């Protein structure tokens, strides 16, 4: 499977997981499936560099969609633009978390071989 296809599938997985966890997992408990998914992504990735890239994509899209689903503020253009900018930049925190989880998952893979 090509790198681009893997990245697209990871982005779709993150989107799906964000939707499911937003609607069906209460409160802070949603961090558990997120962490497990990040570890699995790191474990199945080929090499440390690819695991970090895949983790970044996963974390970014997960945070992006989850925060977007939770928006219940004003609907005027100015508020929406501010929120979208906040969401886009705060999702970078998600990419850092995804990198950390995938890196640890990749370390587990290396230790098991």
PDB file of N, CA and C in Angstrom:
ATOM      1  N   UNK A   1       0.849  -1.169   0.000  1.00  0.00           N
ATOM      2  CA  UNK A   1       0.000   0.000   0.000  1.00  0.00           C
ATOM      3  C   UNK A   1       0.899   1.239   0.000  1.00  0.00           C
ATOM      4  N   UNK A   2       0.571   2.196  -0.840  1.00  0.00           N
ATOM      5  CA  UNK A   2       1.383   3.401  -0.955  1.00  0.00           C
ATOM      6  C   UNK A   2       1.246   4.323   0.248  1.00  0.00           C
ATOM      7  N   UNK A   3       2.253   5.193   0.422  1.00  0.00           N
ATOM      8  CA  UNK A   3       2.261   6.123   1.552  1.00  0.00           C
ATOM      9  C   UNK A   3       1.049   7.055   1.540  1.00  0.00           C
ATOM     10  N   UNK A   4       0.730   7.557   0.350  1.00  0.00           N
ATOM     11  CA  UNK A   4      -0.379   8.502   0.246  1.00  0.00           C
ATOM     12  C   UNK A   4      -1.690   7.844   0.640  1.00  0.00           C
ATOM     13  N   UNK A   5      -1.903   6.627   0.187  1.00  0.00           N
ATOM     14  CA  UNK A   5      -3.129   5.914   0.530  1.00  0.00           C
ATOM     15  C   UNK A   5      -3.200   5.642   2.032  1.00  0.00           C
ATOM     16  N   UNK A   6      -2.070   5.289   2.646  1.00  0.00           N
ATOM     17  CA  UNK A   6      -2.042   5.067   4.094  1.00  0.00           C
ATOM     18  C   UNK A   6      -2.400   6.343   4.843  1.00  0.00           C
ATOM     19  N   UNK A   7      -1.857   7.454   4.398  1.00  0.00           N
ATOM     20  CA  UNK A   7      -2.136   8.726   5.072  1.00  0.00           C
ATOM     21  C   UNK A   7      -3.611   9.097   4.935  1.00  0.00           C
ATOM     22  N   UNK A   8      -4.175   8.864   3.764  1.00  0.00           N
ATOM     23  CA  UNK A   8      -5.607   9.141   3.562  1.00  0.00           C
ATOM     24  C   UNK A   8      -6.451   8.243   4.467  1.00  0.00           C
ATOM     25  N   UNK A   9      -6.091   6.964   4.555  1.00  0.00           N
ATOM     26  CA  UNK A   9      -6.831   6.042   5.418  1.00  0.00           C
ATOM     27  C   UNK A   9      -6.705   6.429   6.896  1.00  0.00           C
ATOM     28  N   UNK A  10      -5.529   6.873   7.291  1.00  0.00           N
ATOM     29  CA  UNK A  10      -5.335   7.310   8.677  1.00  0.00           C
ATOM     30  C   UNK A  10      -6.173   8.555   8.968  1.00  0.00           C
ATOM     31  N   UNK A  11      -6.227   9.490   8.023  1.00  0.00           N
ATOM     32  CA  UNK A  11      -7.052  10.693   8.200  1.00  0.00           C
ATOM     33  C   UNK A  11      -8.532  10.313   8.308  1.00  0.00           C
ATOM     34  N   UNK A  12      -8.973   9.354   7.495  1.00  0.00           N
ATOM     35  CA  UNK A  12     -10.368   8.897   7.568  1.00  0.00           C
ATOM     36  C   UNK A  12     -10.652   8.174   8.882  1.00  0.00           C
ATOM     37  N   UNK A  13      -9.695   7.361   9.335  1.00  0.00           N
ATOM     38  CA  UNK A  13      -9.838   6.684  10.625  1.00  0.00           C
ATOM     39  C   UNK A  13      -9.950   7.698  11.754  1.00  0.00           C
ATOM     40  N   UNK A  14      -9.113   8.712  11.724  1.00  0.00           N
ATOM     41  CA  UNK A  14      -9.155   9.753  12.755  1.00  0.00           C
ATOM     42  C   UNK A  14     -10.491  10.486  12.737  1.00  0.00           C
ATOM     43  N   UNK A  15     -10.989  10.778  11.551  1.00  0.00           N
ATOM     44  CA  UNK A  15     -12.282  11.450  11.414  1.00  0.00           C
ATOM     45  C   UNK A  15     -13.396  10.580  11.983  1.00  0.00           C
ATOM     46  N   UNK A  16     -13.395   9.314  11.631  1.00  0.00           N
ATOM     47  CA  UNK A  16     -14.411   8.388  12.131  1.00  0.00           C
ATOM     48  C   UNK A  16     -14.322   8.235  13.646  1.00  0.00           C
ATOM     49  N   UNK A  17     -13.112   8.094  14.167  1.00  0.00           N
ATOM     50  CA  UNK A  17     -12.932   7.955  15.608  1.00  0.00           C
ATOM     51  C   UNK A  17     -13.373   9.219  16.345  1.00  0.00           C
ATOM     52  N   UNK A  18     -13.118  10.378  15.773  1.00  0.00           N
ATOM     53  CA  UNK A  18     -13.562  11.639  16.393  1.00  0.00           C
ATOM     54  C   UNK A  18     -15.085  11.698  16.456  1.00  0.00           C
ATOM     55  N   UNK A  19     -15.748  11.301  15.381  1.00  0.00           N
ATOM     56  CA  UNK A  19     -17.217  11.323  15.343  1.00  0.00           C
ATOM     57  C   UNK A  19     -17.788  10.345  16.363  1.00  0.00           C
ATOM     58  N   UNK A  20     -17.283   9.121  16.360  1.00  0.00           N
ATOM     59  CA  UNK A  20     -17.788   8.099  17.287  1.00  0.00           C
ATOM     60  C   UNK A  20     -17.534   8.503  18.730  1.00  0.00           C
ATOM     61  N   UNK A  21     -16.335   8.986  19.025  1.00  0.00           N
ATOM     62  CA  UNK A  21     -16.030   9.345  20.409  1.00  0.00           C
ATOM     63  C   UNK A  21     -16.797  10.584  20.860  1.00  0.00           C
ATOM     64  N   UNK A  22     -17.086  11.501  19.952  1.00  0.00           N
ATOM     65  CA  UNK A  22     -17.847  12.685  20.331  1.00  0.00           C
ATOM     66  C   UNK A  22     -19.280  12.318  20.737  1.00  0.00           C
ATOM     67  N   UNK A  23     -19.894  11.422  19.963  1.00  0.00           N
ATOM     68  CA  UNK A  23     -21.290  11.093  20.201  1.00  0.00           C
ATOM     69  C   UNK A  23     -21.504   9.942  21.192  1.00  0.00           C
ATOM     70  N   UNK A  24     -20.533   9.051  21.357  1.00  0.00           N
ATOM     71  CA  UNK A  24     -20.789   7.854  22.149  1.00  0.00           C
ATOM     72  C   UNK A  24     -19.888   7.642  23.358  1.00  0.00           C
ATOM     73  N   UNK A  25     -18.815   8.398  23.491  1.00  0.00           N
ATOM     74  CA  UNK A  25     -17.903   8.211  24.618  1.00  0.00           C
ATOM     75  C   UNK A  25     -17.947   9.475  25.475  1.00  0.00           C
ATOM     76  N   UNK A  26     -18.356   9.334  26.736  1.00  0.00           N
ATOM     77  CA  UNK A  26     -18.527  10.527  27.567  1.00  0.00           C
ATOM     78  C   UNK A  26     -17.207  11.074  28.124  1.00  0.00           C
ATOM     79  N   UNK A  27     -17.098  12.383  28.139  1.00  0.00           N
ATOM     80  CA  UNK A  27     -16.015  13.088  28.822  1.00  0.00           C
ATOM     81  C   UNK A  27     -14.605  12.678  28.438  1.00  0.00           C
ATOM     82  N   UNK A  28     -13.772  12.579  29.465  1.00  0.00           N
ATOM     83  CA  UNK A  28     -12.353  12.295  29.259  1.00  0.00           C
ATOM     84  C   UNK A  28     -12.088  10.852  28.853  1.00  0.00           C
ATOM     85  N   UNK A  29     -13.088  10.007  28.910  1.00  0.00           N
ATOM     86  CA  UNK A  29     -12.885   8.602  28.536  1.00  0.00           C
ATOM     87  C   UNK A  29     -12.526   8.444  27.062  1.00  0.00           C
ATOM     88  N   UNK A  30     -12.832   9.437  26.256  1.00  0.00           N
ATOM     89  CA  UNK A  30     -12.508   9.326  24.828  1.00  0.00           C
ATOM     90  C   UNK A  30     -11.003   9.324  24.575  1.00  0.00           C
ATOM     91  N   UNK A  31     -10.209   9.738  25.549  1.00  0.00           N
ATOM     92  CA  UNK A  31      -8.754   9.728  25.390  1.00  0.00           C
ATOM     93  C   UNK A  31      -8.223   8.291  25.286  1.00  0.00           C
ATOM     94  N   UNK A  32      -8.918   7.350  25.911  1.00  0.00           N
ATOM     95  CA  UNK A  32      -8.465   5.951  25.903  1.00  0.00           C
ATOM     96  C   UNK A  32      -8.454   5.370  24.487  1.00  0.00           C
ATOM     97  N   UNK A  33      -9.562   5.434  23.733  1.00  0.00           N
ATOM     98  CA  UNK A  33      -9.481   4.897  22.363  1.00  0.00           C
ATOM     99  C   UNK A  33      -8.544   5.699  21.460  1.00  0.00           C
ATOM    100  N   UNK A  34      -8.397   6.994  21.733  1.00  0.00           N
ATOM    101  CA  UNK A  34      -7.474   7.809  20.948  1.00  0.00           C
ATOM    102  C   UNK A  34      -6.045   7.338  21.156  1.00  0.00           C
ATOM    103  N   UNK A  35      -5.680   7.102  22.404  1.00  0.00           N
ATOM    104  CA  UNK A  35      -4.320   6.652  22.709  1.00  0.00           C
ATOM    105  C   UNK A  35      -4.055   5.266  22.131  1.00  0.00           C
ATOM    106  N   UNK A  36      -5.032   4.382  22.242  1.00  0.00           N
ATOM    107  CA  UNK A  36      -4.865   3.036  21.685  1.00  0.00           C
ATOM    108  C   UNK A  36      -4.672   3.107  20.182  1.00  0.00           C
ATOM    109  N   UNK A  37      -5.464   3.927  19.516  1.00  0.00           N
ATOM    110  CA  UNK A  37      -5.348   4.065  18.057  1.00  0.00           C
ATOM    111  C   UNK A  37      -3.978   4.627  17.675  1.00  0.00           C
ATOM    112  N   UNK A  38      -3.481   5.607  18.423  1.00  0.00           N
ATOM    113  CA  UNK A  38      -2.158   6.184  18.128  1.00  0.00           C
ATOM    114  C   UNK A  38      -1.062   5.143  18.312  1.00  0.00           C
ATOM    115  N   UNK A  39      -1.161   4.336  19.367  1.00  0.00           N
ATOM    116  CA  UNK A  39      -0.179   3.279  19.587  1.00  0.00           C
ATOM    117  C   UNK A  39      -0.210   2.251  18.453  1.00  0.00           C
ATOM    118  N   UNK A  40      -1.400   1.880  18.024  1.00  0.00           N
ATOM    119  CA  UNK A  40      -1.533   0.905  16.926  1.00  0.00           C
ATOM    120  C   UNK A  40      -0.967   1.476  15.632  1.00  0.00           C
ATOM    121  N   UNK A  41      -1.237   2.745  15.371  1.00  0.00           N
ATOM    122  CA  UNK A  41      -0.706   3.377  14.160  1.00  0.00           C
ATOM    123  C   UNK A  41       0.815   3.347  14.178  1.00  0.00           C
ATOM    124  N   UNK A  42       1.403   3.651  15.323  1.00  0.00           N
ATOM    125  CA  UNK A  42       2.856   3.591  15.431  1.00  0.00           C
ATOM    126  C   UNK A  42       3.387   2.183  15.280  1.00  0.00           C
ATOM    127  N   UNK A  43       2.664   1.223  15.807  1.00  0.00           N
ATOM    128  CA  UNK A  43       3.103  -0.171  15.756  1.00  0.00           C
ATOM    129  C   UNK A  43       3.076  -0.723  14.331  1.00  0.00           C
ATOM    130  N   UNK A  44       2.064  -0.352  13.571  1.00  0.00           N
ATOM    131  CA  UNK A  44       1.951  -0.895  12.207  1.00  0.00           C
ATOM    132  C   UNK A  44       2.724  -0.082  11.172  1.00  0.00           C
ATOM    133  N   UNK A  45       3.236   1.076  11.579  1.00  0.00           N
ATOM    134  CA  UNK A  45       3.996   1.905  10.639  1.00  0.00           C
ATOM    135  C   UNK A  45       5.377   1.313  10.396  1.00  0.00           C
ATOM    136  N   UNK A  46       5.883   1.554   9.210  1.00  0.00           N
ATOM    137  CA  UNK A  46       7.202   1.053   8.829  1.00  0.00           C
ATOM    138  C   UNK A  46       8.256   2.121   9.116  1.00  0.00           C
ATOM    139  N   UNK A  47       8.979   1.971  10.181  1.00  0.00           N
ATOM    140  CA  UNK A  47      10.036   2.912  10.509  1.00  0.00           C
ATOM    141  C   UNK A  47       9.560   4.037  11.406  1.00  0.00           C
ATOM    142  N   UNK A  48      10.515   4.615  12.102  1.00  0.00           N
ATOM    143  CA  UNK A  48      10.221   5.687  13.056  1.00  0.00           C
ATOM    144  C   UNK A  48       9.683   6.926  12.354  1.00  0.00           C
ATOM    145  N   UNK A  49      10.291   7.290  11.233  1.00  0.00           N
ATOM    146  CA  UNK A  49       9.858   8.507  10.517  1.00  0.00           C
ATOM    147  C   UNK A  49       8.412   8.385  10.046  1.00  0.00           C
ATOM    148  N   UNK A  50       8.075   7.254   9.442  1.00  0.00           N
ATOM    149  CA  UNK A  50       6.701   7.062   8.970  1.00  0.00           C
ATOM    150  C   UNK A  50       5.711   7.004  10.128  1.00  0.00           C
ATOM    151  N   UNK A  51       6.117   6.429  11.242  1.00  0.00           N
ATOM    152  CA  UNK A  51       5.205   6.377  12.388  1.00  0.00           C
ATOM    153  C   UNK A  51       4.910   7.783  12.898  1.00  0.00           C
ATOM    154  N   UNK A  52       5.916   8.648  12.890  1.00  0.00           N
ATOM    155  CA  UNK A  52       5.709  10.012  13.361  1.00  0.00           C
ATOM    156  C   UNK A  52       4.836  10.819  12.392  1.00  0.00           C
ATOM    157  N   UNK A  53       5.039  10.609  11.107  1.00  0.00           N
ATOM    158  CA  UNK A  53       4.191  11.280  10.108  1.00  0.00           C
ATOM    159  C   UNK A  53       2.753  10.802  10.236  1.00  0.00           C
ATOM    160  N   UNK A  54       2.574   9.490  10.329  1.00  0.00           N
ATOM    161  CA  UNK A  54       1.226   8.931  10.453  1.00  0.00           C
ATOM    162  C   UNK A  54       0.556   9.383  11.746  1.00  0.00           C
ATOM    163  N   UNK A  55       1.318   9.440  12.832  1.00  0.00           N
ATOM    164  CA  UNK A  55       0.776   9.917  14.099  1.00  0.00           C
ATOM    165  C   UNK A  55       0.368  11.376  14.035  1.00  0.00           C
ATOM    166  N   UNK A  56       1.155  12.188  13.357  1.00  0.00           N
ATOM    167  CA  UNK A  56       0.824  13.609  13.213  1.00  0.00           C
ATOM    168  C   UNK A  56      -0.472  13.794  12.431  1.00  0.00           C
ATOM    169  N   UNK A  57      -0.621  13.055  11.355  1.00  0.00           N
ATOM    170  CA  UNK A  57      -1.851  13.139  10.547  1.00  0.00           C
ATOM    171  C   UNK A  57      -3.049  12.683  11.380  1.00  0.00           C
ATOM    172  N   UNK A  58      -2.880  11.568  12.081  1.00  0.00           N
ATOM    173  CA  UNK A  58      -3.952  11.039  12.919  1.00  0.00           C
ATOM    174  C   UNK A  58      -4.372  12.057  13.979  1.00  0.00           C
ATOM    175  N   UNK A  59      -3.426  12.578  14.729  1.00  0.00           N
ATOM    176  CA  UNK A  59      -3.742  13.523  15.796  1.00  0.00           C
ATOM    177  C   UNK A  59      -4.357  14.811  15.284  1.00  0.00           C
ATOM    178  N   UNK A  60      -3.855  15.300  14.162  1.00  0.00           N
ATOM    179  CA  UNK A  60      -4.375  16.552  13.616  1.00  0.00           C
ATOM    180  C   UNK A  60      -5.841  16.410  13.220  1.00  0.00           C
ATOM    181  N   UNK A  61      -6.151  15.381  12.444  1.00  0.00           N
ATOM    182  CA  UNK A  61      -7.531  15.209  11.989  1.00  0.00           C
ATOM    183  C   UNK A  61      -8.465  14.837  13.137  1.00  0.00           C
ATOM    184  N   UNK A  62      -7.975  14.086  14.102  1.00  0.00           N
ATOM    185  CA  UNK A  62      -8.791  13.730  15.257  1.00  0.00           C
ATOM    186  C   UNK A  62      -9.213  14.987  16.017  1.00  0.00           C
ATOM    187  N   UNK A  63      -8.266  15.848  16.346  1.00  0.00           N
ATOM    188  CA  UNK A  63      -8.580  17.081  17.062  1.00  0.00           C
ATOM    189  C   UNK A  63      -9.434  18.017  16.205  1.00  0.00           C
ATOM    190  N   UNK A  64      -9.092  18.132  14.942  1.00  0.00           N
ATOM    191  CA  UNK A  64      -9.822  19.033  14.049  1.00  0.00           C
ATOM    192  C   UNK A  64     -11.310  18.704  14.020  1.00  0.00           C
ATOM    193  N   UNK A  65     -11.628  17.451  13.789  1.00  0.00           N
ATOM    194  CA  UNK A  65     -13.028  17.037  13.667  1.00  0.00           C
ATOM    195  C   UNK A  65     -13.724  17.069  15.025  1.00  0.00           C
ATOM    196  N   UNK A  66     -13.050  16.605  16.075  1.00  0.00           N
ATOM    197  CA  UNK A  66     -13.666  16.579  17.399  1.00  0.00           C
ATOM    198  C   UNK A  66     -14.034  17.987  17.874  1.00  0.00           C
ATOM    199  N   UNK A  67     -13.138  18.924  17.701  1.00  0.00           N
ATOM    200  CA  UNK A  67     -13.409  20.300  18.124  1.00  0.00           C
ATOM    201  C   UNK A  67     -14.492  20.921  17.243  1.00  0.00           C
ATOM    202  N   UNK A  68     -14.453  20.636  15.966  1.00  0.00           N
ATOM    203  CA  UNK A  68     -15.461  21.163  15.045  1.00  0.00           C
ATOM    204  C   UNK A  68     -16.858  20.668  15.413  1.00  0.00           C
ATOM    205  N   UNK A  69     -16.970  19.405  15.782  1.00  0.00           N
ATOM    206  CA  UNK A  69     -18.271  18.856  16.176  1.00  0.00           C
ATOM    207  C   UNK A  69     -18.806  19.513  17.443  1.00  0.00           C
ATOM    208  N   UNK A  70     -17.914  19.921  18.318  1.00  0.00           N
ATOM    209  CA  UNK A  70     -18.330  20.502  19.587  1.00  0.00           C
ATOM    210  C   UNK A  70     -18.663  21.980  19.540  1.00  0.00           C
ATOM    211  N   UNK A  71     -18.511  22.605  18.390  1.00  0.00           N
ATOM    212  CA  UNK A  71     -18.761  24.049  18.306  1.00  0.00           C
ATOM    213  C   UNK A  71     -20.247  24.336  18.442  1.00  0.00           C
ATOM    214  N   UNK A  72     -20.571  25.214  19.373  1.00  0.00           N
ATOM    215  CA  UNK A  72     -21.971  25.609  19.544  1.00  0.00           C
ATOM    216  C   UNK A  72     -22.067  27.119  19.784  1.00  0.00           C
ATOM    217  N   UNK A  73     -21.148  27.851  19.203  1.00  0.00           N
ATOM    218  CA  UNK A  73     -21.099  29.295  19.390  1.00  0.00           C
ATOM    219  C   UNK A  73     -21.925  30.040  18.361  1.00  0.00           C
ATOM    220  N   UNK A  74     -21.572  31.293  18.198  1.00  0.00           N
ATOM    221  CA  UNK A  74     -22.285  32.163  17.256  1.00  0.00           C
ATOM    222  C   UNK A  74     -22.069  31.691  15.822  1.00  0.00           C
ATOM    223  N   UNK A  75     -23.014  32.021  14.975  1.00  0.00           N
ATOM    224  CA  UNK A  75     -22.924  31.599  13.579  1.00  0.00           C
ATOM    225  C   UNK A  75     -22.641  32.750  12.621  1.00  0.00           C
ATOM    226  N   UNK A  76     -22.285  33.926  13.147  1.00  0.00           N
ATOM    227  CA  UNK A  76     -21.934  35.021  12.236  1.00  0.00           C
ATOM    228  C   UNK A  76     -20.546  34.748  11.652  1.00  0.00           C
ATOM    229  N   UNK A  77     -20.269  35.387  10.539  1.00  0.00           N
ATOM    230  CA  UNK A  77     -19.038  35.100   9.791  1.00  0.00           C
ATOM    231  C   UNK A  77     -17.781  35.343  10.621  1.00  0.00           C
ATOM    232  N   UNK A  78     -17.733  36.426  11.363  1.00  0.00           N
ATOM    233  CA  UNK A  78     -16.547  36.733  12.162  1.00  0.00           C
ATOM    234  C   UNK A  78     -16.261  35.668  13.209  1.00  0.00           C
ATOM    235  N   UNK A  79     -17.301  35.234  13.903  1.00  0.00           N
ATOM    236  CA  UNK A  79     -17.120  34.196  14.923  1.00  0.00           C
ATOM    237  C   UNK A  79     -16.692  32.874  14.301  1.00  0.00           C
ATOM    238  N   UNK A  80     -17.273  32.530  13.168  1.00  0.00           N
ATOM    239  CA  UNK A  80     -16.915  31.275  12.505  1.00  0.00           C
ATOM    240  C   UNK A  80     -15.471  31.300  12.013  1.00  0.00           C
ATOM    241  N   UNK A  81     -15.045  32.433  11.486  1.00  0.00           N
ATOM    242  CA  UNK A  81     -13.658  32.540  11.011  1.00  0.00           C
ATOM    243  C   UNK A  81     -12.691  32.405  12.186  1.00  0.00           C
ATOM    244  N   UNK A  82     -12.993  33.085  13.289  1.00  0.00           N
ATOM    245  CA  UNK A  82     -12.139  32.987  14.474  1.00  0.00           C
ATOM    246  C   UNK A  82     -12.095  31.558  14.995  1.00  0.00           C
ATOM    247  N   UNK A  83     -13.250  30.913  15.030  1.00  0.00           N
ATOM    248  CA  UNK A  83     -13.286  29.539  15.513  1.00  0.00           C
ATOM    249  C   UNK A  83     -12.507  28.610  14.587  1.00  0.00           C
ATOM    250  N   UNK A  84     -12.673  28.769  13.290  1.00  0.00           N
ATOM    251  CA  UNK A  84     -11.953  27.911  12.342  1.00  0.00           C
ATOM    252  C   UNK A  84     -10.440  28.095  12.475  1.00  0.00           C
ATOM    253  N   UNK A  85      -9.990  29.333  12.629  1.00  0.00           N
ATOM    254  CA  UNK A  85      -8.562  29.570  12.835  1.00  0.00           C
ATOM    255  C   UNK A  85      -8.077  28.934  14.135  1.00  0.00           C
ATOM    256  N   UNK A  86      -8.863  29.077  15.195  1.00  0.00           N
ATOM    257  CA  UNK A  86      -8.521  28.433  16.465  1.00  0.00           C
ATOM    258  C   UNK A  86      -8.442  26.921  16.287  1.00  0.00           C
ATOM    259  N   UNK A  87      -9.428  26.357  15.616  1.00  0.00           N
ATOM    260  CA  UNK A  87      -9.483  24.910  15.418  1.00  0.00           C
ATOM    261  C   UNK A  87      -8.289  24.424  14.603  1.00  0.00           C
ATOM    262  N   UNK A  88      -7.966  25.126  13.532  1.00  0.00           N
ATOM    263  CA  UNK A  88      -6.836  24.725  12.692  1.00  0.00           C
ATOM    264  C   UNK A  88      -5.520  24.751  13.460  1.00  0.00           C
ATOM    265  N   UNK A  89      -5.322  25.796  14.275  1.00  0.00           N
ATOM    266  CA  UNK A  89      -4.062  25.906  15.007  1.00  0.00           C
ATOM    267  C   UNK A  89      -4.025  25.017  16.248  1.00  0.00           C
ATOM    268  N   UNK A  90      -5.145  24.864  16.936  1.00  0.00           N
ATOM    269  CA  UNK A  90      -5.154  24.004  18.117  1.00  0.00           C
ATOM    270  C   UNK A  90      -4.996  22.534  17.728  1.00  0.00           C
ATOM    271  N   UNK A  91      -5.391  22.193  16.533  1.00  0.00           N
ATOM    272  CA  UNK A  91      -5.224  20.821  16.063  1.00  0.00           C
ATOM    273  C   UNK A  91      -3.753  20.449  15.936  1.00  0.00           C
ATOM    274  N   UNK A  92      -2.878  21.447  15.876  1.00  0.00           N
ATOM    275  CA  UNK A  92      -1.439  21.159  15.889  1.00  0.00           C
ATOM    276  C   UNK A  92      -1.027  20.495  17.201  1.00  0.00           C
ATOM    277  N   UNK A  93      -1.731  20.832  18.289  1.00  0.00           N
ATOM    278  CA  UNK A  93      -1.491  20.152  19.560  1.00  0.00           C
ATOM    279  C   UNK A  93      -1.845  18.670  19.409  1.00  0.00           C
ATOM    280  N   UNK A  94      -2.929  18.412  18.694  1.00  0.00           N
ATOM    281  CA  UNK A  94      -3.317  17.027  18.426  1.00  0.00           C
ATOM    282  C   UNK A  94      -2.273  16.280  17.623  1.00  0.00           C
ATOM    283  N   UNK A  95      -1.646  16.975  16.690  1.00  0.00           N
ATOM    284  CA  UNK A  95      -0.606  16.306  15.903  1.00  0.00           C
ATOM    285  C   UNK A  95       0.596  15.968  16.777  1.00  0.00           C
ATOM    286  N   UNK A  96       0.917  16.824  17.736  1.00  0.00           N
ATOM    287  CA  UNK A  96       2.018  16.531  18.655  1.00  0.00           C
ATOM    288  C   UNK A  96       1.679  15.312  19.516  1.00  0.00           C
ATOM    289  N   UNK A  97       0.441  15.258  19.992  1.00  0.00           N
ATOM    290  CA  UNK A  97       0.008  14.099  20.779  1.00  0.00           C
ATOM    291  C   UNK A  97       0.021  12.828  19.925  1.00  0.00           C
ATOM    292  N   UNK A  98      -0.398  12.948  18.672  1.00  0.00           N
ATOM    293  CA  UNK A  98      -0.372  11.798  17.767  1.00  0.00           C
ATOM    294  C   UNK A  98       1.039  11.317  17.490  1.00  0.00           C
ATOM    295  N   UNK A  99       1.965  12.259  17.341  1.00  0.00           N
ATOM    296  CA  UNK A  99       3.373  11.897  17.136  1.00  0.00           C
ATOM    297  C   UNK A  99       3.892  11.125  18.346  1.00  0.00           C
ATOM    298  N   UNK A 100       3.587  11.616  19.544  1.00  0.00           N
ATOM    299  CA  UNK A 100       4.056  10.952  20.760  1.00  0.00           C
ATOM    300  C   UNK A 100       3.501   9.535  20.865  1.00  0.00           C
ATOM    301  N   UNK A 101       2.201   9.382  20.632  1.00  0.00           N
ATOM    302  CA  UNK A 101       1.589   8.060  20.725  1.00  0.00           C
ATOM    303  C   UNK A 101       2.121   7.096  19.687  1.00  0.00           C
ATOM    304  N   UNK A 102       2.254   7.563  18.456  1.00  0.00           N
ATOM    305  CA  UNK A 102       2.755   6.701  17.393  1.00  0.00           C
ATOM    306  C   UNK A 102       4.221   6.352  17.608  1.00  0.00           C
ATOM    307  N   UNK A 103       4.990   7.286  18.125  1.00  0.00           N
ATOM    308  CA  UNK A 103       6.403   7.021  18.414  1.00  0.00           C
ATOM    309  C   UNK A 103       6.531   5.923  19.473  1.00  0.00           C
ATOM    310  N   UNK A 104       5.723   6.007  20.509  1.00  0.00           N
ATOM    311  CA  UNK A 104       5.742   4.986  21.552  1.00  0.00           C
ATOM    312  C   UNK A 104       5.291   3.638  20.984  1.00  0.00           C
ATOM    313  N   UNK A 105       4.268   3.654  20.138  1.00  0.00           N
ATOM    314  CA  UNK A 105       3.827   2.415  19.495  1.00  0.00           C
ATOM    315  C   UNK A 105       4.921   1.808  18.648  1.00  0.00           C
ATOM    316  N   UNK A 106       5.691   2.651  17.965  1.00  0.00           N
ATOM    317  CA  UNK A 106       6.804   2.157  17.157  1.00  0.00           C
ATOM    318  C   UNK A 106       7.922   1.615  18.043  1.00  0.00           C
ATOM    319  N   UNK A 107       8.138   2.224  19.192  1.00  0.00           N
ATOM    320  CA  UNK A 107       9.138   1.698  20.137  1.00  0.00           C
ATOM    321  C   UNK A 107       8.728   0.319  20.637  1.00  0.00           C
ATOM    322  N   UNK A 108       7.428   0.115  20.910  1.00  0.00           N
ATOM    323  CA  UNK A 108       6.938  -1.207  21.316  1.00  0.00           C
ATOM    324  C   UNK A 108       7.240  -2.234  20.240  1.00  0.00           C
ATOM    325  N   UNK A 109       7.049  -1.832  18.995  1.00  0.00           N
ATOM    326  CA  UNK A 109       7.332  -2.750  17.878  1.00  0.00           C
ATOM    327  C   UNK A 109       8.811  -3.114  17.842  1.00  0.00           C
ATOM    328  N   UNK A 110       9.679  -2.132  18.002  1.00  0.00           N
ATOM    329  CA  UNK A 110      11.108  -2.389  17.974  1.00  0.00           C
ATOM    330  C   UNK A 110      11.552  -3.253  19.153  1.00  0.00           C
ATOM    331  N   UNK A 111      10.954  -3.064  20.315  1.00  0.00           N
ATOM    332  CA  UNK A 111      11.324  -3.857  21.475  1.00  0.00           C
ATOM    333  C   UNK A 111      10.840  -5.305  21.360  1.00  0.00           C
ATOM    334  N   UNK A 112       9.742  -5.513  20.612  1.00  0.00           N
ATOM    335  CA  UNK A 112       9.215  -6.870  20.486  1.00  0.00           C
ATOM    336  C   UNK A 112       9.959  -7.698  19.451  1.00  0.00           C
ATOM    337  N   UNK A 113      10.800  -7.059  18.641  1.00  0.00           N
ATOM    338  CA  UNK A 113      11.546  -7.822  17.622  1.00  0.00           C
ATOM    339  C   UNK A 113      12.953  -8.076  18.031  1.00  0.00           C
TER     340      UNK A 113
END
